[in-house]
Amino acid sequence: VNPEKDEFVINGFRGSYQYTAAIDGIDNFD
């Protein structure tokens, strides 16, 4: 339900994909 983002690179460290919304009703934790 949360489409993958394109791969991103941060100062040489790679992020493969990122979920931006809750999955299965579980919210992100602070």
Full PDB file with SEQRES, HELIX, SHEET, SSBOND, CRYST1, ORIGX, SCALE, CONECT and MASTER records, all heavy atoms in Angstrom:
SEQRES   1 A   30  VAL ASN PRO GLU LYS ASP GLU PHE VAL ILE ASN GLY PHE          
SEQRES   2 A   30  ARG GLY SER TYR GLN TYR THR ALA ALA ILE ASP GLY ILE          
SEQRES   3 A   30  ASP ASN PHE ASP                                              
SHEET    1 AA1 2 PHE A   8  ILE A  10  0                                        
SHEET    2 AA1 2 PHE A  13  GLY A  15 -1                                        
CRYST1    1.000    1.000    1.000  90.00  90.00  90.00 P 1           1          
ORIGX1      1.000000  0.000000  0.000000        0.00000                         
ORIGX2      0.000000  1.000000  0.000000        0.00000                         
ORIGX3      0.000000  0.000000  1.000000        0.00000                         
SCALE1      1.000000  0.000000  0.000000        0.00000                         
SCALE2      0.000000  1.000000  0.000000        0.00000                         
SCALE3      0.000000  0.000000  1.000000        0.00000                         
ATOM      1  N   VAL A   1       0.819  -1.212   0.000  1.00  0.00           N  
ATOM      2  CA  VAL A   1       0.000   0.000   0.000  1.00  0.00           C  
ATOM      3  C   VAL A   1       0.850   1.258   0.000  1.00  0.00           C  
ATOM      4  O   VAL A   1       0.343   2.357  -0.148  1.00  0.00           O  
ATOM      5  CB  VAL A   1      -0.931   0.030   1.224  1.00  0.00           C  
ATOM      6  CG1 VAL A   1      -1.921  -1.104   1.146  1.00  0.00           C  
ATOM      7  CG2 VAL A   1      -0.129  -0.052   2.520  1.00  0.00           C  
ATOM      8  N   ASN A   2       2.158   1.109   0.171  1.00  0.00           N  
ATOM      9  CA  ASN A   2       3.070   2.250   0.199  1.00  0.00           C  
ATOM     10  C   ASN A   2       4.128   2.047  -0.876  1.00  0.00           C  
ATOM     11  O   ASN A   2       5.089   1.326  -0.676  1.00  0.00           O  
ATOM     12  CB  ASN A   2       3.744   2.360   1.564  1.00  0.00           C  
ATOM     13  CG  ASN A   2       2.710   2.496   2.654  1.00  0.00           C  
ATOM     14  OD1 ASN A   2       2.085   3.519   2.783  1.00  0.00           O  
ATOM     15  ND2 ASN A   2       2.523   1.421   3.415  1.00  0.00           N  
ATOM     16  N   PRO A   3       3.953   2.663  -2.016  1.00  0.00           N  
ATOM     17  CA  PRO A   3       4.841   2.381  -3.147  1.00  0.00           C  
ATOM     18  C   PRO A   3       6.298   2.673  -2.812  1.00  0.00           C  
ATOM     19  O   PRO A   3       6.618   3.565  -2.024  1.00  0.00           O  
ATOM     20  CB  PRO A   3       4.334   3.345  -4.226  1.00  0.00           C  
ATOM     21  CG  PRO A   3       2.938   3.654  -3.827  1.00  0.00           C  
ATOM     22  CD  PRO A   3       2.905   3.609  -2.341  1.00  0.00           C  
ATOM     23  N   GLU A   4       7.175   1.899  -3.431  1.00  0.00           N  
ATOM     24  CA  GLU A   4       8.593   2.095  -3.210  1.00  0.00           C  
ATOM     25  C   GLU A   4       9.059   3.390  -3.866  1.00  0.00           C  
ATOM     26  O   GLU A   4       8.636   3.747  -4.953  1.00  0.00           O  
ATOM     27  CB  GLU A   4       9.380   0.920  -3.801  1.00  0.00           C  
ATOM     28  CG  GLU A   4       9.089  -0.402  -3.122  1.00  0.00           C  
ATOM     29  CD  GLU A   4       9.856  -1.542  -3.756  1.00  0.00           C  
ATOM     30  OE1 GLU A   4      10.674  -1.250  -4.640  1.00  0.00           O  
ATOM     31  OE2 GLU A   4       9.628  -2.689  -3.373  1.00  0.00           O  
ATOM     32  N   LYS A   5       9.978   4.073  -3.204  1.00  0.00           N  
ATOM     33  CA  LYS A   5      10.629   5.214  -3.807  1.00  0.00           C  
ATOM     34  C   LYS A   5      11.814   4.723  -4.633  1.00  0.00           C  
ATOM     35  O   LYS A   5      12.299   3.615  -4.471  1.00  0.00           O  
ATOM     36  CB  LYS A   5      11.140   6.174  -2.731  1.00  0.00           C  
ATOM     37  CG  LYS A   5      10.059   6.928  -2.003  1.00  0.00           C  
ATOM     38  CD  LYS A   5      10.705   7.956  -1.088  1.00  0.00           C  
ATOM     39  CE  LYS A   5       9.644   8.814  -0.422  1.00  0.00           C  
ATOM     40  NZ  LYS A   5      10.258   9.847   0.443  1.00  0.00           N  
ATOM     41  N   ASP A   6      12.306   5.597  -5.494  1.00  0.00           N  
ATOM     42  CA  ASP A   6      13.539   5.288  -6.197  1.00  0.00           C  
ATOM     43  C   ASP A   6      14.677   5.191  -5.190  1.00  0.00           C  
ATOM     44  O   ASP A   6      14.655   5.814  -4.136  1.00  0.00           O  
ATOM     45  CB  ASP A   6      13.859   6.384  -7.216  1.00  0.00           C  
ATOM     46  CG  ASP A   6      12.828   6.428  -8.335  1.00  0.00           C  
ATOM     47  OD1 ASP A   6      12.183   5.388  -8.579  1.00  0.00           O  
ATOM     48  OD2 ASP A   6      12.673   7.493  -8.939  1.00  0.00           O  
ATOM     49  N   GLU A   7      15.687   4.418  -5.572  1.00  0.00           N  
ATOM     50  CA  GLU A   7      16.862   4.334  -4.711  1.00  0.00           C  
ATOM     51  C   GLU A   7      17.480   5.719  -4.542  1.00  0.00           C  
ATOM     52  O   GLU A   7      17.559   6.494  -5.479  1.00  0.00           O  
ATOM     53  CB  GLU A   7      17.891   3.392  -5.328  1.00  0.00           C  
ATOM     54  CG  GLU A   7      19.133   3.213  -4.479  1.00  0.00           C  
ATOM     55  CD  GLU A   7      20.094   2.213  -5.071  1.00  0.00           C  
ATOM     56  OE1 GLU A   7      20.827   2.580  -6.017  1.00  0.00           O  
ATOM     57  OE2 GLU A   7      20.120   1.076  -4.597  1.00  0.00           O  
ATOM     58  N   PHE A   8      17.896   6.025  -3.329  1.00  0.00           N  
ATOM     59  CA  PHE A   8      18.537   7.306  -3.093  1.00  0.00           C  
ATOM     60  C   PHE A   8      19.903   7.086  -2.455  1.00  0.00           C  
ATOM     61  O   PHE A   8      20.165   6.068  -1.823  1.00  0.00           O  
ATOM     62  CB  PHE A   8      17.682   8.227  -2.212  1.00  0.00           C  
ATOM     63  CG  PHE A   8      17.262   7.629  -0.900  1.00  0.00           C  
ATOM     64  CD1 PHE A   8      18.045   7.779   0.231  1.00  0.00           C  
ATOM     65  CD2 PHE A   8      16.066   6.919  -0.798  1.00  0.00           C  
ATOM     66  CE1 PHE A   8      17.648   7.241   1.452  1.00  0.00           C  
ATOM     67  CE2 PHE A   8      15.667   6.374   0.419  1.00  0.00           C  
ATOM     68  CZ  PHE A   8      16.454   6.536   1.548  1.00  0.00           C  
ATOM     69  N   VAL A   9      20.791   8.033  -2.642  1.00  0.00           N  
ATOM     70  CA  VAL A   9      22.152   7.942  -2.137  1.00  0.00           C  
ATOM     71  C   VAL A   9      22.410   9.137  -1.243  1.00  0.00           C  
ATOM     72  O   VAL A   9      22.126  10.275  -1.608  1.00  0.00           O  
ATOM     73  CB  VAL A   9      23.178   7.920  -3.284  1.00  0.00           C  
ATOM     74  CG1 VAL A   9      24.596   7.882  -2.724  1.00  0.00           C  
ATOM     75  CG2 VAL A   9      22.933   6.730  -4.198  1.00  0.00           C  
ATOM     76  N   ILE A  10      22.921   8.855  -0.045  1.00  0.00           N  
ATOM     77  CA  ILE A  10      23.200   9.914   0.926  1.00  0.00           C  
ATOM     78  C   ILE A  10      24.673   9.834   1.292  1.00  0.00           C  
ATOM     79  O   ILE A  10      25.084   8.937   2.032  1.00  0.00           O  
ATOM     80  CB  ILE A  10      22.346   9.745   2.195  1.00  0.00           C  
ATOM     81  CG1 ILE A  10      20.876   9.624   1.846  1.00  0.00           C  
ATOM     82  CG2 ILE A  10      22.592  10.895   3.161  1.00  0.00           C  
ATOM     83  CD1 ILE A  10      20.036   9.142   2.988  1.00  0.00           C  
ATOM     84  N   ASN A  11      25.455  10.738   0.756  1.00  0.00           N  
ATOM     85  CA  ASN A  11      26.879  10.780   1.067  1.00  0.00           C  
ATOM     86  C   ASN A  11      27.549   9.421   0.888  1.00  0.00           C  
ATOM     87  O   ASN A  11      28.389   9.015   1.666  1.00  0.00           O  
ATOM     88  CB  ASN A  11      27.095  11.278   2.491  1.00  0.00           C  
ATOM     89  CG  ASN A  11      26.477  12.624   2.730  1.00  0.00           C  
ATOM     90  OD1 ASN A  11      26.597  13.516   1.891  1.00  0.00           O  
ATOM     91  ND2 ASN A  11      25.795  12.792   3.847  1.00  0.00           N  
ATOM     92  N   GLY A  12      27.129   8.701  -0.137  1.00  0.00           N  
ATOM     93  CA  GLY A  12      27.699   7.398  -0.411  1.00  0.00           C  
ATOM     94  C   GLY A  12      26.928   6.248   0.185  1.00  0.00           C  
ATOM     95  O   GLY A  12      27.110   5.107  -0.225  1.00  0.00           O  
ATOM     96  N   PHE A  13      26.054   6.481   1.135  1.00  0.00           N  
ATOM     97  CA  PHE A  13      25.220   5.434   1.724  1.00  0.00           C  
ATOM     98  C   PHE A  13      23.939   5.327   0.904  1.00  0.00           C  
ATOM     99  O   PHE A  13      23.276   6.322   0.647  1.00  0.00           O  
ATOM    100  CB  PHE A  13      24.885   5.755   3.183  1.00  0.00           C  
ATOM    101  CG  PHE A  13      26.061   5.684   4.095  1.00  0.00           C  
ATOM    102  CD1 PHE A  13      26.947   6.743   4.181  1.00  0.00           C  
ATOM    103  CD2 PHE A  13      26.297   4.556   4.863  1.00  0.00           C  
ATOM    104  CE1 PHE A  13      28.044   6.680   5.026  1.00  0.00           C  
ATOM    105  CE2 PHE A  13      27.389   4.486   5.708  1.00  0.00           C  
ATOM    106  CZ  PHE A  13      28.271   5.546   5.785  1.00  0.00           C  
ATOM    107  N   ARG A  14      23.575   4.117   0.540  1.00  0.00           N  
ATOM    108  CA  ARG A  14      22.434   3.921  -0.342  1.00  0.00           C  
ATOM    109  C   ARG A  14      21.181   3.536   0.438  1.00  0.00           C  
ATOM    110  O   ARG A  14      21.227   2.677   1.318  1.00  0.00           O  
ATOM    111  CB  ARG A  14      22.736   2.830  -1.372  1.00  0.00           C  
ATOM    112  CG  ARG A  14      23.884   3.168  -2.285  1.00  0.00           C  
ATOM    113  CD  ARG A  14      23.880   2.273  -3.516  1.00  0.00           C  
ATOM    114  NE  ARG A  14      23.745   0.872  -3.168  1.00  0.00           N  
ATOM    115  CZ  ARG A  14      24.763   0.079  -2.877  1.00  0.00           C  
ATOM    116  NH1 ARG A  14      25.990   0.571  -2.855  1.00  0.00           N  
ATOM    117  NH2 ARG A  14      24.583  -1.196  -2.607  1.00  0.00           N  
ATOM    118  N   GLY A  15      20.068   4.144   0.101  1.00  0.00           N  
ATOM    119  CA  GLY A  15      18.779   3.721   0.610  1.00  0.00           C  
ATOM    120  C   GLY A  15      18.067   2.958  -0.489  1.00  0.00           C  
ATOM    121  O   GLY A  15      17.867   3.466  -1.589  1.00  0.00           O  
ATOM    122  N   SER A  16      17.678   1.723  -0.237  1.00  0.00           N  
ATOM    123  CA  SER A  16      17.131   0.890  -1.301  1.00  0.00           C  
ATOM    124  C   SER A  16      15.680   1.226  -1.610  1.00  0.00           C  
ATOM    125  O   SER A  16      15.294   1.339  -2.757  1.00  0.00           O  
ATOM    126  CB  SER A  16      17.244  -0.585  -0.924  1.00  0.00           C  
ATOM    127  OG  SER A  16      18.599  -0.946  -0.816  1.00  0.00           O  
ATOM    128  N   TYR A  17      14.870   1.341  -0.585  1.00  0.00           N  
ATOM    129  CA  TYR A  17      13.509   1.802  -0.776  1.00  0.00           C  
ATOM    130  C   TYR A  17      12.954   2.247   0.559  1.00  0.00           C  
ATOM    131  O   TYR A  17      13.491   1.932   1.608  1.00  0.00           O  
ATOM    132  CB  TYR A  17      12.607   0.762  -1.434  1.00  0.00           C  
ATOM    133  CG  TYR A  17      12.459  -0.552  -0.723  1.00  0.00           C  
ATOM    134  CD1 TYR A  17      11.547  -0.715   0.312  1.00  0.00           C  
ATOM    135  CD2 TYR A  17      13.204  -1.656  -1.116  1.00  0.00           C  
ATOM    136  CE1 TYR A  17      11.394  -1.925   0.936  1.00  0.00           C  
ATOM    137  CE2 TYR A  17      13.056  -2.880  -0.489  1.00  0.00           C  
ATOM    138  CZ  TYR A  17      12.155  -3.009   0.536  1.00  0.00           C  
ATOM    139  OH  TYR A  17      12.008  -4.217   1.154  1.00  0.00           O  
ATOM    140  N   GLN A  18      11.879   2.986   0.508  1.00  0.00           N  
ATOM    141  CA  GLN A  18      11.389   3.624   1.721  1.00  0.00           C  
ATOM    142  C   GLN A  18       9.866   3.605   1.743  1.00  0.00           C  
ATOM    143  O   GLN A  18       9.233   3.993   0.781  1.00  0.00           O  
ATOM    144  CB  GLN A  18      11.882   5.078   1.773  1.00  0.00           C  
ATOM    145  CG  GLN A  18      11.375   5.845   2.975  1.00  0.00           C  
ATOM    146  CD  GLN A  18      11.934   7.258   3.000  1.00  0.00           C  
ATOM    147  OE1 GLN A  18      12.634   7.650   2.095  1.00  0.00           O  
ATOM    148  NE2 GLN A  18      11.618   8.009   4.020  1.00  0.00           N  
ATOM    149  N   TYR A  19       9.291   3.132   2.837  1.00  0.00           N  
ATOM    150  CA  TYR A  19       7.860   3.204   3.036  1.00  0.00           C  
ATOM    151  C   TYR A  19       7.531   4.475   3.795  1.00  0.00           C  
ATOM    152  O   TYR A  19       8.128   4.764   4.821  1.00  0.00           O  
ATOM    153  CB  TYR A  19       7.356   1.987   3.811  1.00  0.00           C  
ATOM    154  CG  TYR A  19       7.431   0.710   3.017  1.00  0.00           C  
ATOM    155  CD1 TYR A  19       8.488  -0.166   3.183  1.00  0.00           C  
ATOM    156  CD2 TYR A  19       6.462   0.406   2.077  1.00  0.00           C  
ATOM    157  CE1 TYR A  19       8.566  -1.336   2.448  1.00  0.00           C  
ATOM    158  CE2 TYR A  19       6.526  -0.760   1.334  1.00  0.00           C  
ATOM    159  CZ  TYR A  19       7.578  -1.630   1.527  1.00  0.00           C  
ATOM    160  OH  TYR A  19       7.654  -2.775   0.790  1.00  0.00           O  
ATOM    161  N   THR A  20       6.592   5.228   3.289  1.00  0.00           N  
ATOM    162  CA  THR A  20       6.333   6.553   3.859  1.00  0.00           C  
ATOM    163  C   THR A  20       5.041   6.633   4.658  1.00  0.00           C  
ATOM    164  O   THR A  20       4.778   7.634   5.293  1.00  0.00           O  
ATOM    165  CB  THR A  20       6.269   7.600   2.739  1.00  0.00           C  
ATOM    166  OG1 THR A  20       5.264   7.215   1.797  1.00  0.00           O  
ATOM    167  CG2 THR A  20       7.611   7.707   2.028  1.00  0.00           C  
ATOM    168  N   ALA A  21       4.232   5.629   4.609  1.00  0.00           N  
ATOM    169  CA  ALA A  21       2.975   5.654   5.361  1.00  0.00           C  
ATOM    170  C   ALA A  21       2.887   4.408   6.233  1.00  0.00           C  
ATOM    171  O   ALA A  21       3.727   3.527   6.183  1.00  0.00           O  
ATOM    172  CB  ALA A  21       1.784   5.718   4.408  1.00  0.00           C  
ATOM    173  N   ALA A  22       1.857   4.369   7.050  1.00  0.00           N  
ATOM    174  CA  ALA A  22       1.678   3.211   7.928  1.00  0.00           C  
ATOM    175  C   ALA A  22       1.390   1.968   7.101  1.00  0.00           C  
ATOM    176  O   ALA A  22       0.759   2.027   6.049  1.00  0.00           O  
ATOM    177  CB  ALA A  22       0.520   3.467   8.884  1.00  0.00           C  
ATOM    178  N   ILE A  23       1.872   0.836   7.582  1.00  0.00           N  
ATOM    179  CA  ILE A  23       1.615  -0.441   6.927  1.00  0.00           C  
ATOM    180  C   ILE A  23       0.751  -1.285   7.856  1.00  0.00           C  
ATOM    181  O   ILE A  23       1.067  -1.433   9.036  1.00  0.00           O  
ATOM    182  CB  ILE A  23       2.929  -1.167   6.611  1.00  0.00           C  
ATOM    183  CG1 ILE A  23       3.684  -0.361   5.554  1.00  0.00           C  
ATOM    184  CG2 ILE A  23       2.684  -2.583   6.174  1.00  0.00           C  
ATOM    185  CD1 ILE A  23       4.826  -1.067   4.926  1.00  0.00           C  
ATOM    186  N   ASP A  24      -0.326  -1.788   7.320  1.00  0.00           N  
ATOM    187  CA  ASP A  24      -1.214  -2.641   8.101  1.00  0.00           C  
ATOM    188  C   ASP A  24      -1.685  -1.926   9.364  1.00  0.00           C  
ATOM    189  O   ASP A  24      -1.841  -2.520  10.427  1.00  0.00           O  
ATOM    190  CB  ASP A  24      -0.496  -3.948   8.458  1.00  0.00           C  
ATOM    191  CG  ASP A  24      -1.467  -5.015   8.944  1.00  0.00           C  
ATOM    192  OD1 ASP A  24      -2.633  -4.991   8.504  1.00  0.00           O  
ATOM    193  OD2 ASP A  24      -1.055  -5.856   9.752  1.00  0.00           O  
ATOM    194  N   GLY A  25      -1.881  -0.619   9.254  1.00  0.00           N  
ATOM    195  CA  GLY A  25      -2.424   0.136  10.370  1.00  0.00           C  
ATOM    196  C   GLY A  25      -1.436   0.482  11.453  1.00  0.00           C  
ATOM    197  O   GLY A  25      -1.808   1.006  12.495  1.00  0.00           O  
ATOM    198  N   ILE A  26      -0.153   0.219  11.230  1.00  0.00           N  
ATOM    199  CA  ILE A  26       0.862   0.497  12.241  1.00  0.00           C  
ATOM    200  C   ILE A  26       1.542   1.813  11.914  1.00  0.00           C  
ATOM    201  O   ILE A  26       2.095   1.987  10.839  1.00  0.00           O  
ATOM    202  CB  ILE A  26       1.906  -0.629  12.293  1.00  0.00           C  
ATOM    203  CG1 ILE A  26       1.220  -1.957  12.587  1.00  0.00           C  
ATOM    204  CG2 ILE A  26       2.953  -0.344  13.357  1.00  0.00           C  
ATOM    205  CD1 ILE A  26       2.098  -3.142  12.373  1.00  0.00           C  
ATOM    206  N   ASP A  27       1.516   2.766  12.817  1.00  0.00           N  
ATOM    207  CA  ASP A  27       2.115   4.070  12.580  1.00  0.00           C  
ATOM    208  C   ASP A  27       3.615   4.038  12.840  1.00  0.00           C  
ATOM    209  O   ASP A  27       4.119   3.218  13.604  1.00  0.00           O  
ATOM    210  CB  ASP A  27       1.481   5.132  13.491  1.00  0.00           C  
ATOM    211  CG  ASP A  27       0.030   5.394  13.131  1.00  0.00           C  
ATOM    212  OD1 ASP A  27      -0.295   5.281  11.938  1.00  0.00           O  
ATOM    213  OD2 ASP A  27      -0.752   5.691  14.045  1.00  0.00           O  
ATOM    214  N   ASN A  28       4.321   4.970  12.228  1.00  0.00           N  
ATOM    215  CA  ASN A  28       5.738   5.124  12.512  1.00  0.00           C  
ATOM    216  C   ASN A  28       5.933   5.518  13.973  1.00  0.00           C  
ATOM    217  O   ASN A  28       5.116   6.210  14.567  1.00  0.00           O  
ATOM    218  CB  ASN A  28       6.350   6.183  11.598  1.00  0.00           C  
ATOM    219  CG  ASN A  28       6.385   5.731  10.150  1.00  0.00           C  
ATOM    220  OD1 ASN A  28       6.419   4.542   9.865  1.00  0.00           O  
ATOM    221  ND2 ASN A  28       6.366   6.677   9.248  1.00  0.00           N  
ATOM    222  N   PHE A  29       7.054   5.098  14.528  1.00  0.00           N  
ATOM    223  CA  PHE A  29       7.328   5.303  15.950  1.00  0.00           C  
ATOM    224  C   PHE A  29       8.344   6.417  16.135  1.00  0.00           C  
ATOM    225  O   PHE A  29       9.392   6.439  15.473  1.00  0.00           O  
ATOM    226  CB  PHE A  29       7.858   4.006  16.572  1.00  0.00           C  
ATOM    227  CG  PHE A  29       8.247   4.149  18.010  1.00  0.00           C  
ATOM    228  CD1 PHE A  29       7.279   4.230  18.997  1.00  0.00           C  
ATOM    229  CD2 PHE A  29       9.585   4.228  18.384  1.00  0.00           C  
ATOM    230  CE1 PHE A  29       7.637   4.374  20.333  1.00  0.00           C  
ATOM    231  CE2 PHE A  29       9.961   4.367  19.710  1.00  0.00           C  
ATOM    232  CZ  PHE A  29       8.974   4.441  20.693  1.00  0.00           C  
ATOM    233  N   ASP A  30       8.091   7.337  17.050  1.00  0.00           N  
ATOM    234  CA  ASP A  30       9.012   8.421  17.354  1.00  0.00           C  
ATOM    235  C   ASP A  30       9.809   8.059  18.611  1.00  0.00           C  
ATOM    236  O   ASP A  30       9.275   8.078  19.724  1.00  0.00           O  
ATOM    237  CB  ASP A  30       8.261   9.727  17.570  1.00  0.00           C  
ATOM    238  CG  ASP A  30       9.190  10.898  17.851  1.00  0.00           C  
ATOM    239  OD1 ASP A  30      10.423  10.684  17.904  1.00  0.00           O  
ATOM    240  OD2 ASP A  30       8.683  12.021  18.009  1.00  0.00           O  
TER     241      ASP A  30                                                      
MASTER        0    0    0    0    2    0    0    6  240    1    0    3          
END                                                                             
